[in-house]
PDB file of N, CA and C in Angstrom:
ATOM      1  N   UNK A   1      -2.317 -12.932  -4.096  1.00  0.00           N
ATOM      2  CA  UNK A   1      -2.400 -12.772  -2.667  1.00  0.00           C
ATOM      3  C   UNK A   1      -3.510 -13.690  -2.150  1.00  0.00           C
ATOM      4  N   UNK A   2      -3.223 -14.433  -1.123  1.00  0.00           N
ATOM      5  CA  UNK A   2      -4.205 -15.318  -0.502  1.00  0.00           C
ATOM      6  C   UNK A   2      -4.874 -14.570   0.652  1.00  0.00           C
ATOM      7  N   UNK A   3      -6.096 -14.130   0.451  1.00  0.00           N
ATOM      8  CA  UNK A   3      -6.782 -13.327   1.463  1.00  0.00           C
ATOM      9  C   UNK A   3      -7.232 -14.154   2.659  1.00  0.00           C
ATOM     10  N   UNK A   4      -7.106 -15.473   2.587  1.00  0.00           N
ATOM     11  CA  UNK A   4      -7.530 -16.331   3.685  1.00  0.00           C
ATOM     12  C   UNK A   4      -6.404 -16.599   4.683  1.00  0.00           C
ATOM     13  N   UNK A   5      -5.266 -15.969   4.464  1.00  0.00           N
ATOM     14  CA  UNK A   5      -4.134 -16.023   5.397  1.00  0.00           C
ATOM     15  C   UNK A   5      -3.699 -14.592   5.706  1.00  0.00           C
ATOM     16  N   UNK A   6      -2.954 -14.434   6.789  1.00  0.00           N
ATOM     17  CA  UNK A   6      -2.451 -13.101   7.164  1.00  0.00           C
ATOM     18  C   UNK A   6      -1.673 -12.492   6.002  1.00  0.00           C
ATOM     19  N   UNK A   7      -1.835 -11.199   5.815  1.00  0.00           N
ATOM     20  CA  UNK A   7      -1.165 -10.451   4.749  1.00  0.00           C
ATOM     21  C   UNK A   7      -0.103  -9.597   5.425  1.00  0.00           C
ATOM     22  N   UNK A   8       1.148  -9.763   5.041  1.00  0.00           N
ATOM     23  CA  UNK A   8       2.250  -9.109   5.733  1.00  0.00           C
ATOM     24  C   UNK A   8       2.397  -7.628   5.474  1.00  0.00           C
ATOM     25  N   UNK A   9       2.055  -7.175   4.291  1.00  0.00           N
ATOM     26  CA  UNK A   9       2.228  -5.767   3.937  1.00  0.00           C
ATOM     27  C   UNK A   9       1.034  -4.937   4.400  1.00  0.00           C
ATOM     28  N   UNK A  10       1.212  -3.600   4.363  1.00  0.00           N
ATOM     29  CA  UNK A  10       0.128  -2.669   4.694  1.00  0.00           C
ATOM     30  C   UNK A  10      -0.127  -1.764   3.495  1.00  0.00           C
ATOM     31  N   UNK A  11      -1.400  -1.461   3.261  1.00  0.00           N
ATOM     32  CA  UNK A  11      -1.804  -0.726   2.071  1.00  0.00           C
ATOM     33  C   UNK A  11      -2.720   0.438   2.440  1.00  0.00           C
ATOM     34  N   UNK A  12      -2.724   1.452   1.587  1.00  0.00           N
ATOM     35  CA  UNK A  12      -3.649   2.575   1.735  1.00  0.00           C
ATOM     36  C   UNK A  12      -4.999   2.277   1.105  1.00  0.00           C
ATOM     37  N   UNK A  13      -4.998   1.506   0.025  1.00  0.00           N
ATOM     38  CA  UNK A  13      -6.223   1.146  -0.691  1.00  0.00           C
ATOM     39  C   UNK A  13      -6.117  -0.308  -1.116  1.00  0.00           C
ATOM     40  N   UNK A  14      -7.189  -1.054  -0.889  1.00  0.00           N
ATOM     41  CA  UNK A  14      -7.274  -2.434  -1.373  1.00  0.00           C
ATOM     42  C   UNK A  14      -8.552  -2.560  -2.194  1.00  0.00           C
ATOM     43  N   UNK A  15      -8.421  -3.052  -3.411  1.00  0.00           N
ATOM     44  CA  UNK A  15      -9.556  -3.361  -4.281  1.00  0.00           C
ATOM     45  C   UNK A  15      -9.713  -4.874  -4.324  1.00  0.00           C
ATOM     46  N   UNK A  16     -10.902  -5.348  -4.063  1.00  0.00           N
ATOM     47  CA  UNK A  16     -11.165  -6.785  -4.064  1.00  0.00           C
ATOM     48  C   UNK A  16     -12.498  -7.016  -4.770  1.00  0.00           C
ATOM     49  N   UNK A  17     -12.431  -7.420  -6.017  1.00  0.00           N
ATOM     50  CA  UNK A  17     -13.647  -7.640  -6.799  1.00  0.00           C
ATOM     51  C   UNK A  17     -13.700  -9.074  -7.310  1.00  0.00           C
ATOM     52  N   UNK A  18     -14.909  -9.633  -7.293  1.00  0.00           N
ATOM     53  CA  UNK A  18     -15.188 -10.964  -7.824  1.00  0.00           C
ATOM     54  C   UNK A  18     -14.346 -12.052  -7.177  1.00  0.00           C
ATOM     55  N   UNK A  19     -14.087 -11.912  -5.877  1.00  0.00           N
ATOM     56  CA  UNK A  19     -13.328 -12.929  -5.149  1.00  0.00           C
ATOM     57  C   UNK A  19     -14.136 -13.486  -3.980  1.00  0.00           C
ATOM     58  N   UNK A  20     -14.552 -12.656  -3.062  1.00  0.00           N
ATOM     59  CA  UNK A  20     -15.233 -13.104  -1.852  1.00  0.00           C
ATOM     60  C   UNK A  20     -16.727 -13.265  -2.116  1.00  0.00           C
ATOM     61  N   UNK A  21     -17.048 -14.266  -2.928  1.00  0.00           N
ATOM     62  CA  UNK A  21     -18.422 -14.481  -3.376  1.00  0.00           C
ATOM     63  C   UNK A  21     -19.054 -15.659  -2.649  1.00  0.00           C
ATOM     64  N   UNK A  22     -20.322 -15.536  -2.310  1.00  0.00           N
ATOM     65  CA  UNK A  22     -21.047 -16.588  -1.591  1.00  0.00           C
ATOM     66  C   UNK A  22     -21.146 -17.876  -2.402  1.00  0.00           C
ATOM     67  N   UNK A  23     -21.114 -17.768  -3.700  1.00  0.00           N
ATOM     68  CA  UNK A  23     -21.200 -18.994  -4.501  1.00  0.00           C
ATOM     69  C   UNK A  23     -19.870 -19.756  -4.538  1.00  0.00           C
ATOM     70  N   UNK A  24     -18.791 -19.110  -4.076  1.00  0.00           N
ATOM     71  CA  UNK A  24     -17.479 -19.755  -4.041  1.00  0.00           C
ATOM     72  C   UNK A  24     -17.092 -20.209  -2.635  1.00  0.00           C
ATOM     73  N   UNK A  25     -17.450 -19.429  -1.607  1.00  0.00           N
ATOM     74  CA  UNK A  25     -16.958 -19.673  -0.253  1.00  0.00           C
ATOM     75  C   UNK A  25     -18.083 -19.557   0.765  1.00  0.00           C
ATOM     76  N   UNK A  26     -17.976 -20.313   1.883  1.00  0.00           N
ATOM     77  CA  UNK A  26     -18.955 -20.145   2.958  1.00  0.00           C
ATOM     78  C   UNK A  26     -18.773 -18.798   3.659  1.00  0.00           C
ATOM     79  N   UNK A  27     -19.820 -18.335   4.344  1.00  0.00           N
ATOM     80  CA  UNK A  27     -19.806 -17.010   4.966  1.00  0.00           C
ATOM     81  C   UNK A  27     -18.681 -16.836   5.978  1.00  0.00           C
ATOM     82  N   UNK A  28     -18.346 -17.880   6.748  1.00  0.00           N
ATOM     83  CA  UNK A  28     -17.271 -17.740   7.729  1.00  0.00           C
ATOM     84  C   UNK A  28     -15.918 -17.542   7.055  1.00  0.00           C
ATOM     85  N   UNK A  29     -15.721 -18.164   5.918  1.00  0.00           N
ATOM     86  CA  UNK A  29     -14.465 -17.982   5.179  1.00  0.00           C
ATOM     87  C   UNK A  29     -14.407 -16.580   4.557  1.00  0.00           C
ATOM     88  N   UNK A  30     -15.529 -16.087   4.069  1.00  0.00           N
ATOM     89  CA  UNK A  30     -15.591 -14.724   3.535  1.00  0.00           C
ATOM     90  C   UNK A  30     -15.288 -13.724   4.644  1.00  0.00           C
ATOM     91  N   UNK A  31     -15.863 -13.944   5.820  1.00  0.00           N
ATOM     92  CA  UNK A  31     -15.603 -13.052   6.960  1.00  0.00           C
ATOM     93  C   UNK A  31     -14.117 -13.048   7.308  1.00  0.00           C
ATOM     94  N   UNK A  32     -13.467 -14.215   7.258  1.00  0.00           N
ATOM     95  CA  UNK A  32     -12.028 -14.282   7.540  1.00  0.00           C
ATOM     96  C   UNK A  32     -11.237 -13.518   6.489  1.00  0.00           C
ATOM     97  N   UNK A  33     -11.636 -13.634   5.228  1.00  0.00           N
ATOM     98  CA  UNK A  33     -10.967 -12.887   4.167  1.00  0.00           C
ATOM     99  C   UNK A  33     -11.094 -11.386   4.362  1.00  0.00           C
ATOM    100  N   UNK A  34     -12.277 -10.928   4.729  1.00  0.00           N
ATOM    101  CA  UNK A  34     -12.486  -9.489   4.974  1.00  0.00           C
ATOM    102  C   UNK A  34     -11.658  -9.032   6.171  1.00  0.00           C
ATOM    103  N   UNK A  35     -11.601  -9.848   7.212  1.00  0.00           N
ATOM    104  CA  UNK A  35     -10.801  -9.509   8.394  1.00  0.00           C
ATOM    105  C   UNK A  35      -9.320  -9.383   8.019  1.00  0.00           C
ATOM    106  N   UNK A  36      -8.813 -10.293   7.209  1.00  0.00           N
ATOM    107  CA  UNK A  36      -7.414 -10.227   6.783  1.00  0.00           C
ATOM    108  C   UNK A  36      -7.152  -9.005   5.911  1.00  0.00           C
ATOM    109  N   UNK A  37      -8.092  -8.652   5.057  1.00  0.00           N
ATOM    110  CA  UNK A  37      -7.939  -7.442   4.251  1.00  0.00           C
ATOM    111  C   UNK A  37      -7.944  -6.206   5.143  1.00  0.00           C
ATOM    112  N   UNK A  38      -8.834  -6.175   6.137  1.00  0.00           N
ATOM    113  CA  UNK A  38      -8.869  -5.056   7.084  1.00  0.00           C
ATOM    114  C   UNK A  38      -7.536  -4.916   7.806  1.00  0.00           C
ATOM    115  N   UNK A  39      -6.989  -6.039   8.248  1.00  0.00           N
ATOM    116  CA  UNK A  39      -5.711  -6.008   8.964  1.00  0.00           C
ATOM    117  C   UNK A  39      -4.567  -5.529   8.069  1.00  0.00           C
ATOM    118  N   UNK A  40      -4.709  -5.714   6.748  1.00  0.00           N
ATOM    119  CA  UNK A  40      -3.668  -5.290   5.808  1.00  0.00           C
ATOM    120  C   UNK A  40      -3.771  -3.810   5.455  1.00  0.00           C
ATOM    121  N   UNK A  41      -4.838  -3.149   5.891  1.00  0.00           N
ATOM    122  CA  UNK A  41      -4.992  -1.716   5.629  1.00  0.00           C
ATOM    123  C   UNK A  41      -4.268  -0.897   6.682  1.00  0.00           C
ATOM    124  N   UNK A  42      -3.688   0.199   6.239  1.00  0.00           N
ATOM    125  CA  UNK A  42      -3.206   1.195   7.191  1.00  0.00           C
ATOM    126  C   UNK A  42      -4.419   1.911   7.781  1.00  0.00           C
ATOM    127  N   UNK A  43      -4.246   2.534   8.927  1.00  0.00           N
ATOM    128  CA  UNK A  43      -5.323   3.328   9.520  1.00  0.00           C
ATOM    129  C   UNK A  43      -5.762   4.391   8.511  1.00  0.00           C
ATOM    130  N   UNK A  44      -7.048   4.587   8.357  1.00  0.00           N
ATOM    131  CA  UNK A  44      -7.687   5.472   7.383  1.00  0.00           C
ATOM    132  C   UNK A  44      -7.620   4.950   5.950  1.00  0.00           C
ATOM    133  N   UNK A  45      -7.146   3.715   5.763  1.00  0.00           N
ATOM    134  CA  UNK A  45      -7.106   3.115   4.433  1.00  0.00           C
ATOM    135  C   UNK A  45      -8.502   2.726   3.962  1.00  0.00           C
ATOM    136  N   UNK A  46      -8.638   2.544   2.647  1.00  0.00           N
ATOM    137  CA  UNK A  46      -9.924   2.201   2.024  1.00  0.00           C
ATOM    138  C   UNK A  46      -9.935   0.756   1.554  1.00  0.00           C
ATOM    139  N   UNK A  47     -11.037   0.071   1.832  1.00  0.00           N
ATOM    140  CA  UNK A  47     -11.300  -1.251   1.281  1.00  0.00           C
ATOM    141  C   UNK A  47     -12.501  -1.118   0.366  1.00  0.00           C
ATOM    142  N   UNK A  48     -12.315  -1.463  -0.896  1.00  0.00           N
ATOM    143  CA  UNK A  48     -13.379  -1.394  -1.894  1.00  0.00           C
ATOM    144  C   UNK A  48     -13.534  -2.797  -2.449  1.00  0.00           C
ATOM    145  N   UNK A  49     -14.719  -3.379  -2.268  1.00  0.00           N
ATOM    146  CA  UNK A  49     -14.918  -4.752  -2.726  1.00  0.00           C
ATOM    147  C   UNK A  49     -16.294  -4.899  -3.340  1.00  0.00           C
ATOM    148  N   UNK A  50     -16.428  -5.890  -4.195  1.00  0.00           N
ATOM    149  CA  UNK A  50     -17.711  -6.089  -4.828  1.00  0.00           C
ATOM    150  C   UNK A  50     -17.708  -7.206  -5.843  1.00  0.00           C
ATOM    151  N   UNK A  51     -18.837  -7.307  -6.516  1.00  0.00           N
ATOM    152  CA  UNK A  51     -19.007  -8.267  -7.600  1.00  0.00           C
ATOM    153  C   UNK A  51     -19.874  -7.611  -8.676  1.00  0.00           C
ATOM    154  N   UNK A  52     -20.425  -8.416  -9.562  1.00  0.00           N
ATOM    155  CA  UNK A  52     -21.177  -7.831 -10.670  1.00  0.00           C
ATOM    156  C   UNK A  52     -22.504  -7.211 -10.241  1.00  0.00           C
ATOM    157  N   UNK A  53     -22.963  -7.504  -9.005  1.00  0.00           N
ATOM    158  CA  UNK A  53     -24.257  -6.997  -8.566  1.00  0.00           C
ATOM    159  C   UNK A  53     -24.205  -6.079  -7.346  1.00  0.00           C
ATOM    160  N   UNK A  54     -23.098  -6.051  -6.640  1.00  0.00           N
ATOM    161  CA  UNK A  54     -23.056  -5.270  -5.415  1.00  0.00           C
ATOM    162  C   UNK A  54     -21.625  -4.812  -5.119  1.00  0.00           C
ATOM    163  N   UNK A  55     -21.531  -3.843  -4.214  1.00  0.00           N
ATOM    164  CA  UNK A  55     -20.216  -3.356  -3.808  1.00  0.00           C
ATOM    165  C   UNK A  55     -20.312  -2.725  -2.421  1.00  0.00           C
ATOM    166  N   UNK A  56     -19.157  -2.560  -1.795  1.00  0.00           N
ATOM    167  CA  UNK A  56     -19.079  -1.902  -0.496  1.00  0.00           C
ATOM    168  C   UNK A  56     -17.765  -1.140  -0.427  1.00  0.00           C
ATOM    169  N   UNK A  57     -17.814   0.005   0.244  1.00  0.00           N
ATOM    170  CA  UNK A  57     -16.626   0.832   0.449  1.00  0.00           C
ATOM    171  C   UNK A  57     -16.530   1.109   1.940  1.00  0.00           C
ATOM    172  N   UNK A  58     -15.360   0.822   2.513  1.00  0.00           N
ATOM    173  CA  UNK A  58     -15.160   1.038   3.946  1.00  0.00           C
ATOM    174  C   UNK A  58     -13.818   1.705   4.185  1.00  0.00           C
ATOM    175  N   UNK A  59     -13.738   2.415   5.287  1.00  0.00           N
ATOM    176  CA  UNK A  59     -12.495   3.046   5.731  1.00  0.00           C
ATOM    177  C   UNK A  59     -12.130   2.420   7.074  1.00  0.00           C
ATOM    178  N   UNK A  60     -10.843   2.185   7.274  1.00  0.00           N
ATOM    179  CA  UNK A  60     -10.383   1.645   8.550  1.00  0.00           C
ATOM    180  C   UNK A  60     -10.236   2.791   9.546  1.00  0.00           C
ATOM    181  N   UNK A  61     -11.010   2.707  10.631  1.00  0.00           N
ATOM    182  CA  UNK A  61     -10.993   3.720  11.689  1.00  0.00           C
ATOM    183  C   UNK A  61     -10.850   3.015  13.021  1.00  0.00           C
ATOM    184  N   UNK A  62      -9.868   3.415  13.789  1.00  0.00           N
ATOM    185  CA  UNK A  62      -9.625   2.802  15.106  1.00  0.00           C
ATOM    186  C   UNK A  62      -9.565   1.283  15.015  1.00  0.00           C
ATOM    187  N   UNK A  63      -8.943   0.789  13.950  1.00  0.00           N
ATOM    188  CA  UNK A  63      -8.754  -0.643  13.781  1.00  0.00           C
ATOM    189  C   UNK A  63      -9.948  -1.414  13.266  1.00  0.00           C
ATOM    190  N   UNK A  64     -11.064  -0.726  12.979  1.00  0.00           N
ATOM    191  CA  UNK A  64     -12.282  -1.377  12.497  1.00  0.00           C
ATOM    192  C   UNK A  64     -12.689  -0.824  11.138  1.00  0.00           C
ATOM    193  N   UNK A  65     -13.435  -1.616  10.389  1.00  0.00           N
ATOM    194  CA  UNK A  65     -13.962  -1.139   9.122  1.00  0.00           C
ATOM    195  C   UNK A  65     -15.262  -0.379   9.363  1.00  0.00           C
ATOM    196  N   UNK A  66     -15.323   0.823   8.818  1.00  0.00           N
ATOM    197  CA  UNK A  66     -16.534   1.643   8.871  1.00  0.00           C
ATOM    198  C   UNK A  66     -17.041   1.765   7.436  1.00  0.00           C
ATOM    199  N   UNK A  67     -18.158   1.097   7.158  1.00  0.00           N
ATOM    200  CA  UNK A  67     -18.722   1.107   5.807  1.00  0.00           C
ATOM    201  C   UNK A  67     -19.510   2.389   5.607  1.00  0.00           C
ATOM    202  N   UNK A  68     -19.217   3.086   4.523  1.00  0.00           N
ATOM    203  CA  UNK A  68     -19.950   4.320   4.257  1.00  0.00           C
ATOM    204  C   UNK A  68     -20.649   4.295   2.912  1.00  0.00           C
ATOM    205  N   UNK A  69     -20.493   3.216   2.171  1.00  0.00           N
ATOM    206  CA  UNK A  69     -21.221   3.086   0.902  1.00  0.00           C
ATOM    207  C   UNK A  69     -21.427   1.593   0.652  1.00  0.00           C
ATOM    208  N   UNK A  70     -22.674   1.200   0.462  1.00  0.00           N
ATOM    209  CA  UNK A  70     -23.001  -0.192   0.153  1.00  0.00           C
ATOM    210  C   UNK A  70     -24.111  -0.202  -0.863  1.00  0.00           C
ATOM    211  N   UNK A  71     -24.025  -1.136  -1.743  1.00  0.00           N
ATOM    212  CA  UNK A  71     -25.068  -1.332  -2.745  1.00  0.00           C
ATOM    213  C   UNK A  71     -25.200  -2.836  -2.955  1.00  0.00           C
ATOM    214  N   UNK A  72     -26.403  -3.364  -2.868  1.00  0.00           N
ATOM    215  CA  UNK A  72     -26.614  -4.790  -3.084  1.00  0.00           C
ATOM    216  C   UNK A  72     -26.441  -5.587  -1.796  1.00  0.00           C
ATOM    217  N   UNK A  73     -25.972  -6.831  -1.931  1.00  0.00           N
ATOM    218  CA  UNK A  73     -25.931  -7.781  -0.821  1.00  0.00           C
ATOM    219  C   UNK A  73     -24.690  -7.707   0.033  1.00  0.00           C
ATOM    220  N   UNK A  74     -23.787  -6.794  -0.193  1.00  0.00           N
ATOM    221  CA  UNK A  74     -22.584  -6.706   0.628  1.00  0.00           C
ATOM    222  C   UNK A  74     -22.878  -6.143   1.981  1.00  0.00           C
TER     223      UNK A  74
END
């Protein structure tokens, strides 16, 4: 799945690990990837993303990501 383009399907849970890393992509491209993942979530869906040093967990509420758990630089 290319997270830098619109994602056609909708999901209840998306796991994204070791992909949206600052050493691979500029911050604006990472933000676009997160936005596309958010758009691919159903309402109340979970986005869980991270790398070897940090992670974040968010729920989609009213069309926005609400982060309720973060550890590290996410």
